[in-house]
Amino acid sequence: MQRYFNVAGPCVPDEHYLLPTSERCAEIHSLIAARLFFGPRCSKIWHAS
């Protein structure tokens, strides 16, 4: 099966392309504390990364 970008659920490395999260996560805790996120699903995804 060819890998693809998954935008609808959990990413599985063998099935989906993944982008590095280390650059995005540097300031995530301050964004969540300031409530600058786009809903509970986004905050859970960022926090889990």
C-alpha atoms as a PDB file:
ATOM      1  CA  MET A   1       0.000   0.000   0.000  1.00  0.00           C
ATOM      2  CA  GLN A   2       1.327   3.425  -0.885  1.00  0.00           C
ATOM      3  CA  ARG A   3       1.688   5.899   1.982  1.00  0.00           C
ATOM      4  CA  TYR A   4      -0.367   9.119   2.027  1.00  0.00           C
ATOM      5  CA  PHE A   5      -0.950  12.145   4.264  1.00  0.00           C
ATOM      6  CA  ASN A   6      -3.674  11.272   6.759  1.00  0.00           C
ATOM      7  CA  VAL A   7      -5.846  14.202   7.824  1.00  0.00           C
ATOM      8  CA  ALA A   8      -8.718  12.319   9.430  1.00  0.00           C
ATOM      9  CA  GLY A   9      -7.313  10.400  12.382  1.00  0.00           C
ATOM     10  CA  PRO A  10      -4.277   8.858  14.065  1.00  0.00           C
ATOM     11  CA  CYS A  11      -1.168   8.538  11.919  1.00  0.00           C
ATOM     12  CA  VAL A  12       0.460   5.147  11.429  1.00  0.00           C
ATOM     13  CA  PRO A  13       4.082   5.535  10.253  1.00  0.00           C
ATOM     14  CA  ASP A  14       3.922   2.499   7.954  1.00  0.00           C
ATOM     15  CA  GLU A  15       0.786   3.839   6.240  1.00  0.00           C
ATOM     16  CA  HIS A  16       1.059   7.639   6.445  1.00  0.00           C
ATOM     17  CA  TYR A  17       3.615  10.331   5.753  1.00  0.00           C
ATOM     18  CA  LEU A  18       4.618  12.155   8.943  1.00  0.00           C
ATOM     19  CA  LEU A  19       6.071  15.632   9.353  1.00  0.00           C
ATOM     20  CA  PRO A  20       8.605  16.322  12.111  1.00  0.00           C
ATOM     21  CA  THR A  21       6.877  17.799  15.149  1.00  0.00           C
ATOM     22  CA  SER A  22       9.842  18.986  17.209  1.00  0.00           C
ATOM     23  CA  GLU A  23       9.830  22.452  15.603  1.00  0.00           C
ATOM     24  CA  ARG A  24       6.068  22.829  16.061  1.00  0.00           C
ATOM     25  CA  CYS A  25       6.042  21.668  19.680  1.00  0.00           C
ATOM     26  CA  ALA A  26       8.582  24.153  21.023  1.00  0.00           C
ATOM     27  CA  GLU A  27       5.913  26.684  21.967  1.00  0.00           C
ATOM     28  CA  ILE A  28       2.846  24.471  22.207  1.00  0.00           C
ATOM     29  CA  HIS A  29       2.422  24.619  25.984  1.00  0.00           C
ATOM     30  CA  SER A  30       2.345  28.406  25.975  1.00  0.00           C
ATOM     31  CA  LEU A  31      -0.209  28.396  23.120  1.00  0.00           C
ATOM     32  CA  ILE A  32      -2.450  25.988  25.004  1.00  0.00           C
ATOM     33  CA  ALA A  33      -2.118  28.015  28.209  1.00  0.00           C
ATOM     34  CA  ALA A  34      -3.154  31.137  26.252  1.00  0.00           C
ATOM     35  CA  ARG A  35      -6.050  29.174  24.674  1.00  0.00           C
ATOM     36  CA  LEU A  36      -4.649  29.849  21.199  1.00  0.00           C
ATOM     37  CA  PHE A  37      -5.668  26.565  19.599  1.00  0.00           C
ATOM     38  CA  PHE A  38      -8.481  25.489  17.325  1.00  0.00           C
ATOM     39  CA  GLY A  39     -10.484  23.235  19.621  1.00  0.00           C
ATOM     40  CA  PRO A  40     -10.004  20.245  21.886  1.00  0.00           C
ATOM     41  CA  ARG A  41      -8.987  17.865  19.106  1.00  0.00           C
ATOM     42  CA  CYS A  42      -6.080  20.103  18.043  1.00  0.00           C
ATOM     43  CA  SER A  43      -4.858  20.571  21.587  1.00  0.00           C
ATOM     44  CA  LYS A  44      -4.940  16.796  22.153  1.00  0.00           C
ATOM     45  CA  ILE A  45      -3.003  16.188  18.932  1.00  0.00           C
ATOM     46  CA  TRP A  46      -0.380  18.811  19.806  1.00  0.00           C
ATOM     47  CA  HIS A  47      -0.059  17.613  23.360  1.00  0.00           C
ATOM     48  CA  ALA A  48       0.352  13.974  22.257  1.00  0.00           C
ATOM     49  CA  SER A  49       3.086  14.854  19.745  1.00  0.00           C
END
